[in-house]
C-alpha atoms as a PDB file:
ATOM      1  CA  MET A   1      29.652  12.086  28.026  1.00  0.00           C
ATOM      2  CA  ALA A   2      30.024  15.693  26.964  1.00  0.00           C
ATOM      3  CA  PRO A   3      26.735  17.220  25.848  1.00  0.00           C
ATOM      4  CA  TYR A   4      26.334  18.045  22.186  1.00  0.00           C
ATOM      5  CA  ARG A   5      23.979  20.990  22.189  1.00  0.00           C
ATOM      6  CA  ARG A   6      24.635  23.337  19.323  1.00  0.00           C
ATOM      7  CA  PRO A   7      22.250  25.082  16.941  1.00  0.00           C
ATOM      8  CA  VAL A   8      21.932  24.176  13.300  1.00  0.00           C
ATOM      9  CA  LEU A   9      25.081  25.491  11.646  1.00  0.00           C
ATOM     10  CA  ALA A  10      26.430  25.744   8.140  1.00  0.00           C
ATOM     11  CA  ALA A  11      28.114  22.421   8.903  1.00  0.00           C
ATOM     12  CA  THR A  12      24.782  20.717   8.400  1.00  0.00           C
ATOM     13  CA  ALA A  13      24.647  22.042   4.867  1.00  0.00           C
ATOM     14  CA  ILE A  14      27.910  20.271   4.067  1.00  0.00           C
ATOM     15  CA  LEU A  15      26.420  16.916   4.980  1.00  0.00           C
ATOM     16  CA  LEU A  16      23.150  17.698   3.252  1.00  0.00           C
ATOM     17  CA  THR A  17      24.903  18.767   0.075  1.00  0.00           C
ATOM     18  CA  ALA A  18      26.846  15.511   0.019  1.00  0.00           C
ATOM     19  CA  THR A  19      23.678  13.466   0.165  1.00  0.00           C
ATOM     20  CA  LEU A  20      20.602  15.410  -0.837  1.00  0.00           C
ATOM     21  CA  THR A  21      19.354  18.943  -1.201  1.00  0.00           C
ATOM     22  CA  ALA A  22      16.787  19.702   1.438  1.00  0.00           C
ATOM     23  CA  CYS A  23      13.367  20.713   0.151  1.00  0.00           C
ATOM     24  CA  ALA A  24      12.494  24.315   0.618  1.00  0.00           C
ATOM     25  CA  ASN A  25       9.408  25.171   2.618  1.00  0.00           C
ATOM     26  CA  GLY A  26       6.372  24.753   0.420  1.00  0.00           C
ATOM     27  CA  SER A  27       5.764  21.980  -2.028  1.00  0.00           C
ATOM     28  CA  ALA A  28       6.209  22.117  -5.772  1.00  0.00           C
ATOM     29  CA  THR A  29       5.907  19.505  -8.441  1.00  0.00           C
ATOM     30  CA  SER A  30       8.916  18.685 -10.586  1.00  0.00           C
ATOM     31  CA  GLY A  31       8.778  20.656 -13.792  1.00  0.00           C
ATOM     32  CA  SER A  32       9.206  17.531 -15.864  1.00  0.00           C
ATOM     33  CA  GLU A  33       5.930  15.940 -14.877  1.00  0.00           C
ATOM     34  CA  GLU A  34       2.342  16.979 -14.508  1.00  0.00           C
ATOM     35  CA  PRO A  35       0.615  16.366 -11.189  1.00  0.00           C
ATOM     36  CA  SER A  36      -1.736  13.414 -11.202  1.00  0.00           C
ATOM     37  CA  ALA A  37      -4.624  12.514  -8.967  1.00  0.00           C
ATOM     38  CA  SER A  38      -4.396   9.926  -6.237  1.00  0.00           C
ATOM     39  CA  GLY A  39      -4.231   6.470  -7.761  1.00  0.00           C
ATOM     40  CA  ALA A  40      -2.611   7.563 -11.009  1.00  0.00           C
ATOM     41  CA  ALA A  41       0.829   6.457 -12.104  1.00  0.00           C
ATOM     42  CA  ALA A  42       3.444   9.211 -12.127  1.00  0.00           C
ATOM     43  CA  ALA A  43       7.171   9.675 -12.407  1.00  0.00           C
ATOM     44  CA  VAL A  44       9.149   9.654  -9.169  1.00  0.00           C
ATOM     45  CA  SER A  45      11.971  12.115  -8.582  1.00  0.00           C
ATOM     46  CA  HIS A  46      13.217  12.906  -5.090  1.00  0.00           C
ATOM     47  CA  ILE A  47      12.698  10.291  -2.353  1.00  0.00           C
ATOM     48  CA  HIS A  48      12.488  11.005   1.370  1.00  0.00           C
ATOM     49  CA  GLY A  49      11.383   7.741   2.990  1.00  0.00           C
ATOM     50  CA  LEU A  50      10.776   4.021   2.540  1.00  0.00           C
ATOM     51  CA  GLY A  51       8.705   1.483   4.413  1.00  0.00           C
ATOM     52  CA  ILE A  52       6.911  -1.855   4.235  1.00  0.00           C
ATOM     53  CA  ASP A  53       3.290  -1.950   5.385  1.00  0.00           C
ATOM     54  CA  PRO A  54       2.845  -5.067   7.561  1.00  0.00           C
ATOM     55  CA  ALA A  55      -0.816  -5.142   6.569  1.00  0.00           C
ATOM     56  CA  ASP A  56      -0.030  -6.396   3.053  1.00  0.00           C
ATOM     57  CA  GLY A  57       3.761  -6.394   2.656  1.00  0.00           C
ATOM     58  CA  ARG A  58       3.640  -3.615   0.085  1.00  0.00           C
ATOM     59  CA  LEU A  59       6.473  -1.122  -0.366  1.00  0.00           C
ATOM     60  CA  TYR A  60       5.628   2.537   0.152  1.00  0.00           C
ATOM     61  CA  VAL A  61       7.848   5.385  -1.012  1.00  0.00           C
ATOM     62  CA  ALA A  62       7.520   8.927   0.346  1.00  0.00           C
ATOM     63  CA  THR A  63       8.623  11.544  -2.182  1.00  0.00           C
ATOM     64  CA  HIS A  64       8.607  15.215  -3.034  1.00  0.00           C
ATOM     65  CA  GLU A  65       5.480  14.548  -5.088  1.00  0.00           C
ATOM     66  CA  GLY A  66       3.454  12.330  -2.756  1.00  0.00           C
ATOM     67  CA  VAL A  67       3.428   8.787  -1.385  1.00  0.00           C
ATOM     68  CA  PHE A  68       3.647   5.887  -3.843  1.00  0.00           C
ATOM     69  CA  ALA A  69       2.713   2.231  -3.445  1.00  0.00           C
ATOM     70  CA  VAL A  70       5.045  -0.138  -5.316  1.00  0.00           C
ATOM     71  CA  GLU A  71       4.094  -3.657  -6.379  1.00  0.00           C
ATOM     72  CA  ASP A  72       6.504  -6.595  -6.633  1.00  0.00           C
ATOM     73  CA  ASP A  73       6.647  -6.220 -10.421  1.00  0.00           C
ATOM     74  CA  GLY A  74       7.642  -2.555 -10.181  1.00  0.00           C
ATOM     75  CA  ALA A  75       4.232  -1.148 -11.014  1.00  0.00           C
ATOM     76  CA  HIS A  76       3.576   1.910  -8.888  1.00  0.00           C
ATOM     77  CA  LYS A  77       0.893   4.466  -8.248  1.00  0.00           C
ATOM     78  CA  ARG A  78       0.552   7.551  -6.156  1.00  0.00           C
ATOM     79  CA  VAL A  79      -1.862   6.870  -3.299  1.00  0.00           C
ATOM     80  CA  SER A  80      -1.735  10.295  -1.636  1.00  0.00           C
ATOM     81  CA  ASP A  81      -2.045  13.870  -2.823  1.00  0.00           C
ATOM     82  CA  THR A  82       0.959  15.635  -4.387  1.00  0.00           C
ATOM     83  CA  ALA A  83       2.335  17.065  -1.137  1.00  0.00           C
ATOM     84  CA  ASP A  84       6.021  16.885  -0.217  1.00  0.00           C
ATOM     85  CA  TYR A  85       6.374  14.070   2.331  1.00  0.00           C
ATOM     86  CA  MET A  86       9.630  14.470   4.238  1.00  0.00           C
ATOM     87  CA  GLY A  87      10.216  12.402   7.389  1.00  0.00           C
ATOM     88  CA  PHE A  88       8.346   9.108   6.958  1.00  0.00           C
ATOM     89  CA  THR A  89       7.991   5.866   8.868  1.00  0.00           C
ATOM     90  CA  VAL A  90       5.580   2.948   9.068  1.00  0.00           C
ATOM     91  CA  ALA A  91       4.248   2.721  12.627  1.00  0.00           C
ATOM     92  CA  GLY A  92       1.944  -0.283  12.158  1.00  0.00           C
ATOM     93  CA  PRO A  93      -0.534  -1.906   9.759  1.00  0.00           C
ATOM     94  CA  ASN A  94      -1.885   0.800   7.423  1.00  0.00           C
ATOM     95  CA  THR A  95      -0.461   3.383   9.846  1.00  0.00           C
ATOM     96  CA  PHE A  96       2.169   5.852   8.663  1.00  0.00           C
ATOM     97  CA  LEU A  97       3.756   8.890  10.296  1.00  0.00           C
ATOM     98  CA  GLY A  98       5.173  11.736   8.262  1.00  0.00           C
ATOM     99  CA  SER A  99       5.945  15.419   7.931  1.00  0.00           C
ATOM    100  CA  GLY A 100       6.733  17.862   5.163  1.00  0.00           C
ATOM    101  CA  HIS A 101       5.032  20.548   3.128  1.00  0.00           C
ATOM    102  CA  PRO A 102       1.552  20.779   1.610  1.00  0.00           C
ATOM    103  CA  ALA A 103       0.438  20.345  -1.963  1.00  0.00           C
ATOM    104  CA  GLU A 104       0.241  23.610  -3.857  1.00  0.00           C
ATOM    105  CA  GLY A 105      -3.011  25.425  -3.228  1.00  0.00           C
ATOM    106  CA  SER A 106      -4.027  23.326  -0.235  1.00  0.00           C
ATOM    107  CA  GLY A 107      -3.913  26.188   2.229  1.00  0.00           C
ATOM    108  CA  ASP A 108      -2.210  24.009   4.830  1.00  0.00           C
ATOM    109  CA  HIS A 109       0.736  25.119   6.973  1.00  0.00           C
ATOM    110  CA  ALA A 110       4.046  25.425   5.105  1.00  0.00           C
ATOM    111  CA  ASN A 111       5.498  23.088   7.740  1.00  0.00           C
ATOM    112  CA  ARG A 112       2.939  20.395   8.470  1.00  0.00           C
ATOM    113  CA  GLY A 113       4.352  19.230  11.811  1.00  0.00           C
ATOM    114  CA  LEU A 114       3.602  15.593  12.585  1.00  0.00           C
ATOM    115  CA  ILE A 115       1.029  14.049  10.267  1.00  0.00           C
ATOM    116  CA  LYS A 116      -0.555  10.606  10.459  1.00  0.00           C
ATOM    117  CA  SER A 117      -2.325   8.284   8.047  1.00  0.00           C
ATOM    118  CA  THR A 118      -4.395   5.277   9.125  1.00  0.00           C
ATOM    119  CA  ASP A 119      -5.366   4.222   5.594  1.00  0.00           C
ATOM    120  CA  ALA A 120      -1.935   3.427   4.119  1.00  0.00           C
ATOM    121  CA  GLY A 121      -1.127   6.930   2.947  1.00  0.00           C
ATOM    122  CA  LYS A 122      -4.372   7.876   1.232  1.00  0.00           C
ATOM    123  CA  THR A 123      -5.379  10.569   3.704  1.00  0.00           C
ATOM    124  CA  TRP A 124      -3.393  12.412   6.350  1.00  0.00           C
ATOM    125  CA  LYS A 125      -4.195  14.384   9.472  1.00  0.00           C
ATOM    126  CA  THR A 126      -1.961  16.829  11.311  1.00  0.00           C
ATOM    127  CA  LEU A 127      -1.567  15.642  14.904  1.00  0.00           C
ATOM    128  CA  SER A 128       0.618  18.450  16.234  1.00  0.00           C
ATOM    129  CA  LEU A 129       3.169  21.209  15.575  1.00  0.00           C
ATOM    130  CA  GLY A 130       1.498  22.383  12.369  1.00  0.00           C
ATOM    131  CA  GLY A 131       3.269  25.530  11.217  1.00  0.00           C
ATOM    132  CA  GLU A 132       6.061  24.963  13.734  1.00  0.00           C
ATOM    133  CA  ALA A 133       8.059  21.875  12.774  1.00  0.00           C
ATOM    134  CA  ASP A 134       9.319  19.978   9.746  1.00  0.00           C
ATOM    135  CA  PHE A 135      10.535  16.518  10.717  1.00  0.00           C
ATOM    136  CA  HIS A 136      13.214  15.294   8.311  1.00  0.00           C
ATOM    137  CA  ALA A 137      13.675  12.051  10.272  1.00  0.00           C
ATOM    138  CA  LEU A 138      11.073  10.030  12.149  1.00  0.00           C
ATOM    139  CA  GLU A 139      11.386   6.769  14.063  1.00  0.00           C
ATOM    140  CA  TYR A 140       8.689   4.767  15.835  1.00  0.00           C
ATOM    141  CA  ALA A 141      10.125   2.450  18.480  1.00  0.00           C
ATOM    142  CA  HIS A 142       9.207   1.340  22.005  1.00  0.00           C
ATOM    143  CA  ASN A 143       5.693   2.793  21.451  1.00  0.00           C
ATOM    144  CA  THR A 144       7.369   6.185  21.157  1.00  0.00           C
ATOM    145  CA  ILE A 145       7.832   8.686  18.323  1.00  0.00           C
ATOM    146  CA  TYR A 146      11.309  10.138  17.888  1.00  0.00           C
ATOM    147  CA  GLY A 147      11.608  13.019  15.453  1.00  0.00           C
ATOM    148  CA  TYR A 148      14.385  15.267  14.224  1.00  0.00           C
ATOM    149  CA  ASP A 149      12.861  18.697  13.652  1.00  0.00           C
ATOM    150  CA  SER A 150      15.033  20.291  10.988  1.00  0.00           C
ATOM    151  CA  THR A 151      13.276  23.653  11.277  1.00  0.00           C
ATOM    152  CA  ASN A 152      14.500  24.103  14.826  1.00  0.00           C
ATOM    153  CA  GLY A 153      17.532  21.758  14.833  1.00  0.00           C
ATOM    154  CA  LEU A 154      15.984  19.804  17.660  1.00  0.00           C
ATOM    155  CA  LEU A 155      15.252  16.240  18.697  1.00  0.00           C
ATOM    156  CA  ARG A 156      11.664  15.832  19.882  1.00  0.00           C
ATOM    157  CA  VAL A 157      10.088  12.798  21.569  1.00  0.00           C
ATOM    158  CA  SER A 158       6.401  11.973  22.013  1.00  0.00           C
ATOM    159  CA  LYS A 159       4.277   9.081  23.254  1.00  0.00           C
ATOM    160  CA  ASP A 160       1.052  10.147  21.556  1.00  0.00           C
ATOM    161  CA  GLY A 161       2.146  12.409  18.706  1.00  0.00           C
ATOM    162  CA  GLU A 162       0.462  15.399  20.324  1.00  0.00           C
ATOM    163  CA  LYS A 163       2.531  16.324  23.370  1.00  0.00           C
ATOM    164  CA  TRP A 164       6.283  16.587  22.807  1.00  0.00           C
ATOM    165  CA  ASP A 165       9.378  16.598  24.971  1.00  0.00           C
ATOM    166  CA  ASN A 166      12.083  18.798  23.470  1.00  0.00           C
ATOM    167  CA  ARG A 167      15.512  17.289  23.870  1.00  0.00           C
ATOM    168  CA  ALA A 168      18.975  17.997  22.422  1.00  0.00           C
ATOM    169  CA  GLU A 169      19.718  20.645  19.838  1.00  0.00           C
ATOM    170  CA  LEU A 170      22.009  19.237  17.178  1.00  0.00           C
ATOM    171  CA  ALA A 171      22.826  19.482  13.500  1.00  0.00           C
ATOM    172  CA  ALA A 172      21.849  16.094  12.078  1.00  0.00           C
ATOM    173  CA  LEU A 173      20.472  14.442   8.976  1.00  0.00           C
ATOM    174  CA  ASP A 174      19.070  11.163  10.318  1.00  0.00           C
ATOM    175  CA  ILE A 175      18.417   9.346  13.591  1.00  0.00           C
ATOM    176  CA  ALA A 176      18.147   5.720  14.721  1.00  0.00           C
ATOM    177  CA  VAL A 177      16.876   4.164  17.945  1.00  0.00           C
ATOM    178  CA  SER A 178      18.212   1.004  19.572  1.00  0.00           C
ATOM    179  CA  PRO A 179      15.746  -1.909  19.340  1.00  0.00           C
ATOM    180  CA  ASN A 180      16.804  -2.903  22.848  1.00  0.00           C
ATOM    181  CA  ASP A 181      17.022   0.372  24.720  1.00  0.00           C
ATOM    182  CA  PRO A 182      14.734   3.400  24.234  1.00  0.00           C
ATOM    183  CA  ASP A 183      17.432   5.662  25.684  1.00  0.00           C
ATOM    184  CA  VAL A 184      20.100   4.802  23.126  1.00  0.00           C
ATOM    185  CA  LEU A 185      19.922   6.926  19.989  1.00  0.00           C
ATOM    186  CA  LEU A 186      22.300   7.634  17.128  1.00  0.00           C
ATOM    187  CA  ALA A 187      22.376  10.633  14.803  1.00  0.00           C
ATOM    188  CA  THR A 188      24.292  11.259  11.586  1.00  0.00           C
ATOM    189  CA  THR A 189      26.283  14.495  11.723  1.00  0.00           C
ATOM    190  CA  GLN A 190      29.111  16.184   9.862  1.00  0.00           C
ATOM    191  CA  ASN A 191      31.583  14.769  12.402  1.00  0.00           C
ATOM    192  CA  GLY A 192      30.280  11.230  12.172  1.00  0.00           C
ATOM    193  CA  ILE A 193      27.785   9.285  14.253  1.00  0.00           C
ATOM    194  CA  ALA A 194      26.719  11.037  17.454  1.00  0.00           C
ATOM    195  CA  LYS A 195      25.420   8.879  20.290  1.00  0.00           C
ATOM    196  CA  SER A 196      23.013   9.493  23.143  1.00  0.00           C
ATOM    197  CA  THR A 197      22.485   7.201  26.109  1.00  0.00           C
ATOM    198  CA  ASP A 198      19.933   9.377  27.892  1.00  0.00           C
ATOM    199  CA  GLY A 199      17.037   9.331  25.460  1.00  0.00           C
ATOM    200  CA  GLY A 200      18.353  12.172  23.345  1.00  0.00           C
ATOM    201  CA  GLU A 201      18.832  14.713  26.119  1.00  0.00           C
ATOM    202  CA  THR A 202      22.513  14.939  25.125  1.00  0.00           C
ATOM    203  CA  PHE A 203      24.686  13.584  22.322  1.00  0.00           C
ATOM    204  CA  ASN A 204      28.431  13.258  22.084  1.00  0.00           C
ATOM    205  CA  ALA A 205      30.291  15.165  19.397  1.00  0.00           C
ATOM    206  CA  GLY A 206      30.215  12.318  16.889  1.00  0.00           C
ATOM    207  CA  THR A 207      32.873   9.918  15.679  1.00  0.00           C
ATOM    208  CA  GLU A 208      33.754   8.493  12.300  1.00  0.00           C
ATOM    209  CA  PRO A 209      32.635   6.915  10.060  1.00  0.00           C
ATOM    210  CA  VAL A 210      30.465   9.609   8.495  1.00  0.00           C
ATOM    211  CA  MET A 211      27.110   8.156   7.441  1.00  0.00           C
ATOM    212  CA  ALA A 212      24.205   9.813   5.670  1.00  0.00           C
ATOM    213  CA  PHE A 213      21.422   7.546   6.921  1.00  0.00           C
ATOM    214  CA  LEU A 214      21.028   4.837   9.572  1.00  0.00           C
ATOM    215  CA  SER A 215      18.521   2.053  10.212  1.00  0.00           C
ATOM    216  CA  TRP A 216      18.608  -0.190  13.283  1.00  0.00           C
ATOM    217  CA  ALA A 217      16.684  -3.346  12.424  1.00  0.00           C
ATOM    218  CA  LYS A 218      17.889  -5.733  15.136  1.00  0.00           C
ATOM    219  CA  PRO A 219      20.264  -5.388  18.103  1.00  0.00           C
ATOM    220  CA  ASN A 220      23.081  -6.899  16.021  1.00  0.00           C
ATOM    221  CA  ALA A 221      22.003  -5.391  12.705  1.00  0.00           C
ATOM    222  CA  LEU A 222      22.562  -1.637  12.550  1.00  0.00           C
ATOM    223  CA  TYR A 223      22.984  -0.434   8.971  1.00  0.00           C
ATOM    224  CA  GLY A 224      24.430   2.817   7.692  1.00  0.00           C
ATOM    225  CA  ILE A 225      24.876   4.205   4.202  1.00  0.00           C
ATOM    226  CA  ASP A 226      27.708   6.608   3.530  1.00  0.00           C
ATOM    227  CA  PRO A 227      27.490   9.657   1.219  1.00  0.00           C
ATOM    228  CA  ALA A 228      28.924   7.622  -1.695  1.00  0.00           C
ATOM    229  CA  GLY A 229      26.349   4.817  -1.384  1.00  0.00           C
ATOM    230  CA  GLY A 230      28.476   2.316   0.533  1.00  0.00           C
ATOM    231  CA  LEU A 231      26.385   0.153   2.868  1.00  0.00           C
ATOM    232  CA  HIS A 232      27.910  -0.718   6.244  1.00  0.00           C
ATOM    233  CA  ARG A 233      26.776  -2.957   9.090  1.00  0.00           C
ATOM    234  CA  SER A 234      27.529  -2.851  12.794  1.00  0.00           C
ATOM    235  CA  ALA A 235      26.840  -5.768  15.133  1.00  0.00           C
ATOM    236  CA  ASP A 236      27.753  -3.828  18.286  1.00  0.00           C
ATOM    237  CA  GLY A 237      25.593  -0.716  18.154  1.00  0.00           C
ATOM    238  CA  GLY A 238      27.930   1.393  16.050  1.00  0.00           C
ATOM    239  CA  ILE A 239      31.207   0.790  17.875  1.00  0.00           C
ATOM    240  CA  THR A 240      32.702  -1.043  14.899  1.00  0.00           C
ATOM    241  CA  TRP A 241      31.557  -1.254  11.292  1.00  0.00           C
ATOM    242  CA  LYS A 242      32.059  -3.635   8.381  1.00  0.00           C
ATOM    243  CA  LYS A 243      31.263  -2.812   4.795  1.00  0.00           C
ATOM    244  CA  ALA A 244      28.372  -4.954   3.546  1.00  0.00           C
ATOM    245  CA  GLY A 245      28.149  -3.816  -0.061  1.00  0.00           C
ATOM    246  CA  ASN A 246      27.353  -0.934  -2.383  1.00  0.00           C
ATOM    247  CA  VAL A 247      23.953   0.453  -3.272  1.00  0.00           C
ATOM    248  CA  PRO A 248      23.773   1.357  -6.970  1.00  0.00           C
ATOM    249  CA  GLY A 249      22.890   4.832  -8.125  1.00  0.00           C
ATOM    250  CA  GLY A 250      25.108   7.338  -6.348  1.00  0.00           C
ATOM    251  CA  GLN A 251      24.191   9.631  -3.481  1.00  0.00           C
ATOM    252  CA  PRO A 252      21.697   8.117  -1.011  1.00  0.00           C
ATOM    253  CA  GLN A 253      18.284   9.574  -0.246  1.00  0.00           C
ATOM    254  CA  ALA A 254      16.791   7.097   2.259  1.00  0.00           C
ATOM    255  CA  LEU A 255      17.540   3.839   4.090  1.00  0.00           C
ATOM    256  CA  THR A 256      15.274   1.314   5.837  1.00  0.00           C
ATOM    257  CA  ALA A 257      16.382  -2.049   7.166  1.00  0.00           C
ATOM    258  CA  VAL A 258      13.272  -4.209   7.334  1.00  0.00           C
ATOM    259  CA  ASP A 259      15.123  -6.958   9.199  1.00  0.00           C
ATOM    260  CA  ALA A 260      18.683  -8.226   9.565  1.00  0.00           C
ATOM    261  CA  ASP A 261      18.906  -9.267   5.897  1.00  0.00           C
ATOM    262  CA  ARG A 262      16.345  -7.174   4.027  1.00  0.00           C
ATOM    263  CA  ILE A 263      17.417  -3.623   3.252  1.00  0.00           C
ATOM    264  CA  LEU A 264      15.681  -0.903   1.252  1.00  0.00           C
ATOM    265  CA  ALA A 265      17.719   2.031  -0.001  1.00  0.00           C
ATOM    266  CA  ALA A 266      16.979   4.962  -2.275  1.00  0.00           C
ATOM    267  CA  THR A 267      19.661   6.687  -4.325  1.00  0.00           C
ATOM    268  CA  GLN A 268      19.666   9.226  -7.134  1.00  0.00           C
ATOM    269  CA  ASP A 269      18.395   6.756  -9.717  1.00  0.00           C
ATOM    270  CA  GLY A 270      16.020   4.480  -7.841  1.00  0.00           C
ATOM    271  CA  VAL A 271      14.843   2.395  -4.945  1.00  0.00           C
ATOM    272  CA  TYR A 272      16.875  -0.778  -4.394  1.00  0.00           C
ATOM    273  CA  GLU A 273      16.296  -3.836  -2.251  1.00  0.00           C
ATOM    274  CA  SER A 274      18.664  -6.435  -0.850  1.00  0.00           C
ATOM    275  CA  ARG A 275      17.563  -9.745   0.652  1.00  0.00           C
ATOM    276  CA  ASN A 276      21.067 -10.885   1.628  1.00  0.00           C
ATOM    277  CA  GLY A 277      22.341  -8.233   3.976  1.00  0.00           C
ATOM    278  CA  GLY A 278      23.549  -5.856   1.295  1.00  0.00           C
ATOM    279  CA  LYS A 279      25.676  -8.215  -0.781  1.00  0.00           C
ATOM    280  CA  THR A 280      23.495  -7.665  -3.859  1.00  0.00           C
ATOM    281  CA  PHE A 281      20.695  -5.257  -4.731  1.00  0.00           C
ATOM    282  CA  ALA A 282      17.811  -5.318  -7.195  1.00  0.00           C
ATOM    283  CA  GLN A 283      16.001  -2.208  -8.372  1.00  0.00           C
ATOM    284  CA  ARG A 284      12.399  -1.932  -7.176  1.00  0.00           C
ATOM    285  CA  LEU A 285      11.553   1.494  -8.595  1.00  0.00           C
ATOM    286  CA  PRO A 286      13.439   3.758 -10.992  1.00  0.00           C
ATOM    287  CA  VAL A 287      13.830   7.460 -10.406  1.00  0.00           C
ATOM    288  CA  SER A 288      13.122   9.056 -13.745  1.00  0.00           C
ATOM    289  CA  VAL A 289      14.141  12.589 -12.853  1.00  0.00           C
ATOM    290  CA  SER A 290      17.103  13.679 -10.754  1.00  0.00           C
ATOM    291  CA  ALA A 291      15.374  16.662  -9.231  1.00  0.00           C
ATOM    292  CA  GLU A 292      16.942  19.242  -6.962  1.00  0.00           C
ATOM    293  CA  HIS A 293      14.641  20.918  -4.483  1.00  0.00           C
END
């Protein structure tokens, strides 16, 4: 397999523009809403991550304005501060991993590195790489953290969240890790889906289809969402794909497959959930403002 080791190029911007506008360093609140304290309801604009907390089954949404908890009836409240939470994943009960930029006036690093919460998003602590890295994609699999550092265009891997192994340089938007094999990774690039079979040391150049986001729930249930919101499923690790359905709301912002049938997706106008493998979707949370950051 030919190595795919190139720095972040303008090509990345093409993919980003087709799906979402990356947040600039430093956090700001959308001009259409006033910041609110933790626990208060607030409008949601730009979404960066989705996850289900196994502790209580609640949906959590990481956004440009903080982390929100969403109830089954659609009621939602911000549980964190108003920081910009970029890469986001649920690593265990009440345990979240994230990255991003601080709330205005906090005095924290512009790039927060890897941050961790052990109280379901209420408080966060920087574990490593503060001031150095901004992870736009995070995966926790095989007791290992895989992160795509968009600041440096680099895949990083860590067992403890403190010491990192720097691996391939590539221009990517999202990553996914095989549930079966810790050495098999996929990344979404301008050329299509790039694959690594050596733990992210090298990636091939990428092959179509072009996907914005990926989520690998089960060995035979790899999901991808294309820049137009089409949901696709692969049963063979990305070799072949079959369209599963369409997520309402236009350009995608995040994708999480909870299991083989339950899919969470965020688009320009809300968070949607499917319980039947993408055939139909119901809105869980509306996006009231289409913000560009």
